[in-house]
């Protein structure tokens, strides 16, 4: 009885410590976001004077920063550009990566092995190592920069390796080949088998890759800044840069603009959050 009591107390103490640690980590992660929300409701002088003060200590709170940000960053046009780029690139990556991963898993030949190995190896190459040649070739030689299609094409290409890797693991571990064999017996072609049998079974990993890729495309600043220069084509992250002046910055408007950029993709994350963890775990199984 004594050993059981001691063991129970140790476990209880360990659970309390673990919970406390998780709460501390959660607060540390949430603190910057809370500060952005609070400072977006302050005037510029209050932000400079006391950026870490809470709402009840500041007078003159208003939503003027959101109105100003909405107008100055041309929110509707920037939102349209971000939506077109994000949705198009996400759909292309999801479909092409699923098809390629399915081919690699079901065709165990030298070509598929080399293709998969090269795609996995390409994941270690940082974008910063190729961005200068990329801009030089596409801008100087081909002269195809400053187009949404170019940005969609680049987003799709840079995201294929990770997406194929995740789809490959999920198909190999969670999609039984017996279902496909039964479909072939019933007269389905290879294309019908993929789209009617295999693709619906990929819902968990599709949800995961949609949110991961959509987050990356929506929030990306570096690649669009290299491709897009026309104000009519700027995405939301690029449009927030208009709040920065040569010698000063309107911090309240910047905070409001950041929130306007975050809210749409945050809603998507909340909708698909149940699928994310299961898809990541299943896609990592090999």
Protein backbone atom coordinates (compact mmCIF):
# COMPACT_ATOMS: atom_id res chain seq x y z
CA UNK A 1 0.00 0.00 0.00
CA UNK A 2 2.81 2.36 0.81
CA UNK A 3 4.55 1.77 -2.52
CA UNK A 4 1.29 2.31 -4.40
CA UNK A 5 0.69 5.58 -2.56
CA UNK A 6 4.21 6.78 -3.27
CA UNK A 7 3.93 5.79 -6.90
CA UNK A 8 0.60 7.54 -7.18
CA UNK A 9 1.98 10.72 -5.65
CA UNK A 10 4.94 10.68 -8.00
CA UNK A 11 2.70 10.27 -11.01
CA UNK A 12 0.43 13.06 -9.79
CA UNK A 13 3.40 15.37 -9.28
CA UNK A 14 4.74 14.51 -12.72
CA UNK A 15 1.37 15.29 -14.30
CA UNK A 16 1.21 18.63 -12.49
CA UNK A 17 4.72 19.53 -13.67
CA UNK A 18 3.91 18.49 -17.24
CA UNK A 19 0.69 20.52 -17.23
CA UNK A 20 2.47 23.53 -15.78
CA UNK A 21 5.18 23.28 -18.44
CA UNK A 22 2.59 23.07 -21.22
CA UNK A 23 0.74 26.11 -19.86
CA UNK A 24 3.99 28.10 -19.73
CA UNK A 25 4.88 27.12 -23.29
CA UNK A 26 1.36 27.99 -24.46
CA UNK A 27 1.52 31.42 -22.83
CA UNK A 28 4.96 32.03 -24.34
CA UNK A 29 3.65 31.24 -27.82
CA UNK A 30 0.45 33.24 -27.39
CA UNK A 31 2.06 36.33 -25.85
CA UNK A 32 3.24 37.88 -29.17
CA UNK A 33 -0.17 37.33 -30.77
CA UNK A 34 -1.96 38.89 -27.78
CA UNK A 35 0.38 41.90 -27.95
CA UNK A 36 -0.41 42.34 -31.65
CA UNK A 37 -4.14 42.33 -30.90
CA UNK A 38 -3.76 44.81 -28.04
CA UNK A 39 -1.44 47.19 -29.90
CA UNK A 40 -3.69 47.16 -32.98
CA UNK A 41 -6.28 48.97 -30.85
CA UNK A 42 -3.87 51.62 -29.59
CA UNK A 43 -2.74 54.89 -31.04
CA UNK A 44 0.84 55.22 -32.24
CA UNK A 45 1.96 57.37 -29.29
CA UNK A 46 0.62 54.83 -26.81
CA UNK A 47 2.43 51.97 -28.56
CA UNK A 48 5.74 53.82 -28.48
CA UNK A 49 5.25 54.95 -24.89
CA UNK A 50 4.13 51.61 -23.47
CA UNK A 51 3.96 48.71 -25.97
CA UNK A 52 3.44 46.05 -23.27
CA UNK A 53 0.65 47.81 -21.38
CA UNK A 54 -2.76 46.16 -21.23
CA UNK A 55 -5.97 47.57 -22.60
CA UNK A 56 -7.37 48.89 -19.35
CA UNK A 57 -4.31 51.11 -18.81
CA UNK A 58 -4.64 52.94 -22.13
CA UNK A 59 -7.23 55.51 -23.12
CA UNK A 60 -8.45 56.24 -26.62
CA UNK A 61 -8.85 52.69 -27.90
CA UNK A 62 -10.49 52.47 -31.31
CA UNK A 63 -10.71 50.51 -34.53
CA UNK A 64 -9.31 53.36 -36.62
CA UNK A 65 -6.16 51.35 -37.32
CA UNK A 66 -8.21 48.61 -38.99
CA UNK A 67 -10.07 51.11 -41.16
CA UNK A 68 -6.81 52.78 -42.17
CA UNK A 69 -5.10 49.46 -42.84
CA UNK A 70 -8.03 48.18 -44.90
CA UNK A 71 -7.87 51.27 -47.12
CA UNK A 72 -4.13 51.84 -47.35
CA UNK A 73 -3.17 48.26 -48.15
CA UNK A 74 -6.02 47.94 -50.69
CA UNK A 75 -7.20 44.92 -48.76
CA UNK A 76 -9.80 43.59 -51.19
CA UNK A 77 -7.41 43.58 -54.15
CA UNK A 78 -4.56 42.10 -52.10
CA UNK A 79 -6.94 39.51 -50.64
CA UNK A 80 -8.03 38.55 -54.17
CA UNK A 81 -4.42 38.12 -55.28
CA UNK A 82 -3.53 36.03 -52.23
CA UNK A 83 -6.65 33.92 -52.66
CA UNK A 84 -5.98 33.22 -56.34
CA UNK A 85 -2.35 32.30 -55.73
CA UNK A 86 -3.00 30.22 -52.61
CA UNK A 87 -6.00 28.28 -53.92
CA UNK A 88 -4.46 27.60 -57.34
CA UNK A 89 -1.08 26.50 -56.00
CA UNK A 90 -2.65 24.39 -53.23
CA UNK A 91 -4.95 22.56 -55.64
CA UNK A 92 -2.11 21.91 -58.09
CA UNK A 93 0.27 20.66 -55.41
CA UNK A 94 -2.36 18.42 -53.83
CA UNK A 95 -3.44 16.78 -57.08
CA UNK A 96 0.00 16.42 -58.68
CA UNK A 97 1.71 15.24 -55.48
CA UNK A 98 -0.99 12.62 -54.82
CA UNK A 99 -0.74 11.30 -58.38
CA UNK A 100 3.05 11.17 -58.36
CA UNK A 101 3.21 9.55 -54.91
CA UNK A 102 0.67 6.93 -56.00
CA UNK A 103 2.73 6.09 -59.08
CA UNK A 104 5.93 5.82 -57.03
CA UNK A 105 4.33 3.52 -54.44
CA UNK A 106 2.61 1.22 -56.91
CA UNK A 107 5.44 1.06 -59.49
CA UNK A 108 8.50 -0.27 -57.73
CA UNK A 109 10.95 0.29 -60.58
CA UNK A 110 14.23 2.12 -60.97
CA UNK A 111 12.66 5.30 -62.38
CA UNK A 112 10.26 5.69 -59.46
CA UNK A 113 13.01 5.00 -56.92
CA UNK A 114 15.35 7.57 -58.47
CA UNK A 115 12.56 10.12 -58.76
CA UNK A 116 11.58 9.71 -55.11
CA UNK A 117 15.21 9.84 -53.96
CA UNK A 118 15.85 13.05 -55.90
CA UNK A 119 12.71 14.69 -54.52
CA UNK A 120 13.63 13.81 -50.95
CA UNK A 121 17.19 15.04 -51.52
CA UNK A 122 15.89 18.35 -52.89
CA UNK A 123 14.22 19.07 -49.55
CA UNK A 124 17.60 19.90 -48.00
CA UNK A 125 18.33 22.70 -50.52
CA UNK A 126 17.39 26.08 -48.97
CA UNK A 127 15.44 28.53 -51.10
CA UNK A 128 17.97 31.28 -50.34
CA UNK A 129 20.61 29.30 -52.23
CA UNK A 130 18.70 29.46 -55.52
CA UNK A 131 16.66 32.65 -55.29
CA UNK A 132 19.24 34.86 -57.07
CA UNK A 133 19.68 32.50 -60.06
CA UNK A 134 15.91 32.03 -60.08
CA UNK A 135 15.21 35.74 -60.41
CA UNK A 136 18.03 36.12 -62.92
CA UNK A 137 16.69 33.37 -65.18
CA UNK A 138 12.98 34.11 -64.92
CA UNK A 139 13.40 37.87 -64.86
CA UNK A 140 16.42 38.58 -67.04
CA UNK A 141 16.31 35.70 -69.51
CA UNK A 142 12.69 34.60 -69.76
CA UNK A 143 11.11 37.89 -68.65
CA UNK A 144 8.13 36.17 -67.00
CA UNK A 145 8.25 37.80 -63.60
CA UNK A 146 5.45 40.04 -62.32
CA UNK A 147 2.76 37.48 -63.18
CA UNK A 148 0.53 35.53 -60.81
CA UNK A 149 0.96 32.40 -62.94
CA UNK A 150 4.71 32.54 -62.41
CA UNK A 151 4.26 32.73 -58.65
CA UNK A 152 1.76 29.85 -58.73
CA UNK A 153 4.19 27.77 -60.79
CA UNK A 154 7.06 28.44 -58.37
CA UNK A 155 4.97 27.72 -55.27
CA UNK A 156 3.86 24.45 -56.82
CA UNK A 157 7.38 23.38 -57.72
CA UNK A 158 8.96 24.24 -54.37
CA UNK A 159 6.23 22.42 -52.42
CA UNK A 160 6.13 19.20 -54.44
CA UNK A 161 8.96 17.38 -52.66
CA UNK A 162 7.50 17.56 -49.15
CA UNK A 163 3.98 16.88 -50.40
CA UNK A 164 5.06 13.80 -52.36
CA UNK A 165 6.97 12.53 -49.32
CA UNK A 166 3.88 12.86 -47.10
CA UNK A 167 1.49 11.32 -49.64
CA UNK A 168 3.97 8.51 -50.29
CA UNK A 169 4.05 7.51 -46.62
CA UNK A 170 0.27 7.65 -46.27
CA UNK A 171 -0.48 5.63 -49.41
CA UNK A 172 2.13 3.02 -48.54
CA UNK A 173 0.89 2.56 -44.99
CA UNK A 174 -2.85 3.23 -45.14
CA UNK A 175 -4.20 2.38 -48.62
CA UNK A 176 -4.53 -1.41 -49.14
CA UNK A 177 -3.78 -2.62 -52.62
CA UNK A 178 -6.60 -5.17 -52.35
CA UNK A 179 -9.15 -2.39 -52.94
CA UNK A 180 -7.45 -1.46 -56.18
CA UNK A 181 -7.29 -5.08 -57.32
CA UNK A 182 -11.02 -5.42 -56.66
CA UNK A 183 -11.66 -2.27 -58.70
CA UNK A 184 -9.60 -3.67 -61.60
CA UNK A 185 -11.63 -6.88 -61.50
CA UNK A 186 -14.83 -4.83 -61.69
CA UNK A 187 -13.55 -3.15 -64.85
CA UNK A 188 -12.14 0.15 -63.56
CA UNK A 189 -9.27 1.71 -65.45
CA UNK A 190 -6.16 2.91 -63.62
CA UNK A 191 -7.40 6.51 -63.72
CA UNK A 192 -10.85 5.55 -62.42
CA UNK A 193 -9.28 3.48 -59.66
CA UNK A 194 -7.16 6.39 -58.48
CA UNK A 195 -9.87 9.04 -58.51
CA UNK A 196 -12.78 6.88 -57.32
CA UNK A 197 -11.04 4.49 -54.91
CA UNK A 198 -7.65 5.81 -53.80
CA UNK A 199 -8.12 9.58 -53.80
CA UNK A 200 -11.15 9.57 -51.42
CA UNK A 201 -9.11 7.48 -48.96
CA UNK A 202 -6.48 10.23 -48.83
CA UNK A 203 -8.78 12.69 -47.04
CA UNK A 204 -6.72 12.90 -43.79
CA UNK A 205 -3.40 13.59 -45.53
CA UNK A 206 -5.10 15.88 -48.07
CA UNK A 207 -6.50 17.99 -45.23
CA UNK A 208 -3.08 18.12 -43.62
CA UNK A 209 -1.23 19.12 -46.77
CA UNK A 210 -3.90 21.65 -47.74
CA UNK A 211 -3.53 23.54 -44.47
CA UNK A 212 0.29 23.30 -44.40
CA UNK A 213 0.70 24.43 -48.00
CA UNK A 214 -2.02 27.07 -47.76
CA UNK A 215 -0.34 28.51 -44.66
CA UNK A 216 2.99 28.61 -46.45
CA UNK A 217 1.61 30.20 -49.62
CA UNK A 218 -0.62 32.70 -47.83
CA UNK A 219 2.06 33.94 -45.42
CA UNK A 220 5.01 33.85 -47.80
CA UNK A 221 6.77 37.18 -48.24
CA UNK A 222 10.17 36.41 -49.76
CA UNK A 223 9.16 34.65 -52.99
CA UNK A 224 6.31 37.06 -53.90
CA UNK A 225 8.62 39.99 -53.19
CA UNK A 226 11.02 38.62 -55.81
CA UNK A 227 8.34 37.84 -58.39
CA UNK A 228 5.73 40.60 -58.00
CA UNK A 229 6.41 44.33 -58.24
CA UNK A 230 3.17 45.68 -59.73
CA UNK A 231 0.99 47.16 -56.96
CA UNK A 232 -2.11 45.60 -58.52
CA UNK A 233 -0.59 42.12 -58.08
CA UNK A 234 0.69 42.41 -54.50
CA UNK A 235 -0.41 39.76 -52.03
CA UNK A 236 -1.45 40.53 -48.45
CA UNK A 237 2.01 40.08 -46.86
CA UNK A 238 3.51 42.42 -49.47
CA UNK A 239 0.76 45.01 -49.06
CA UNK A 240 1.53 45.38 -45.34
CA UNK A 241 4.97 46.69 -46.29
CA UNK A 242 3.31 49.94 -47.41
CA UNK A 243 3.00 50.93 -43.74
CA UNK A 244 6.76 51.25 -43.41
CA UNK A 245 8.25 54.65 -44.21
CA UNK A 246 11.84 55.66 -44.76
CA UNK A 247 12.35 56.96 -41.23
CA UNK A 248 9.30 55.76 -39.33
CA UNK A 249 6.54 53.17 -39.24
CA UNK A 250 2.89 53.29 -38.25
CA UNK A 251 2.96 50.46 -35.73
CA UNK A 252 -0.74 50.46 -34.92
CA UNK A 253 -1.70 50.16 -38.58
CA UNK A 254 0.93 47.48 -39.09
CA UNK A 255 -0.55 45.41 -36.26
CA UNK A 256 -4.06 45.84 -37.68
CA UNK A 257 -2.85 44.85 -41.15
CA UNK A 258 -1.17 41.73 -39.77
CA UNK A 259 -4.40 40.68 -38.10
CA UNK A 260 -6.33 41.23 -41.32
CA UNK A 261 -3.84 38.93 -43.07
CA UNK A 262 -3.98 36.25 -40.38
CA UNK A 263 -7.74 35.95 -39.85
CA UNK A 264 -8.67 34.16 -43.16
CA UNK A 265 -6.00 31.47 -42.88
CA UNK A 266 -6.71 31.09 -39.15
CA UNK A 267 -10.32 30.26 -39.96
CA UNK A 268 -9.16 27.58 -42.41
CA UNK A 269 -6.85 26.12 -39.77
CA UNK A 270 -9.67 25.92 -37.22
CA UNK A 271 -11.92 24.14 -39.73
CA UNK A 272 -9.29 21.51 -40.63
CA UNK A 273 -7.50 21.16 -37.30
CA UNK A 274 -8.97 17.72 -36.55
CA UNK A 275 -7.34 16.26 -39.64
CA UNK A 276 -3.89 17.79 -39.23
CA UNK A 277 -2.32 15.62 -36.53
CA UNK A 278 -3.73 12.34 -37.85
CA UNK A 279 -2.55 13.18 -41.35
CA UNK A 280 0.95 14.16 -40.26
CA UNK A 281 1.38 10.96 -38.20
CA UNK A 282 -0.01 8.73 -40.93
CA UNK A 283 2.04 10.44 -43.64
CA UNK A 284 5.26 9.95 -41.70
CA UNK A 285 4.79 6.17 -41.48
CA UNK A 286 6.90 4.35 -43.99
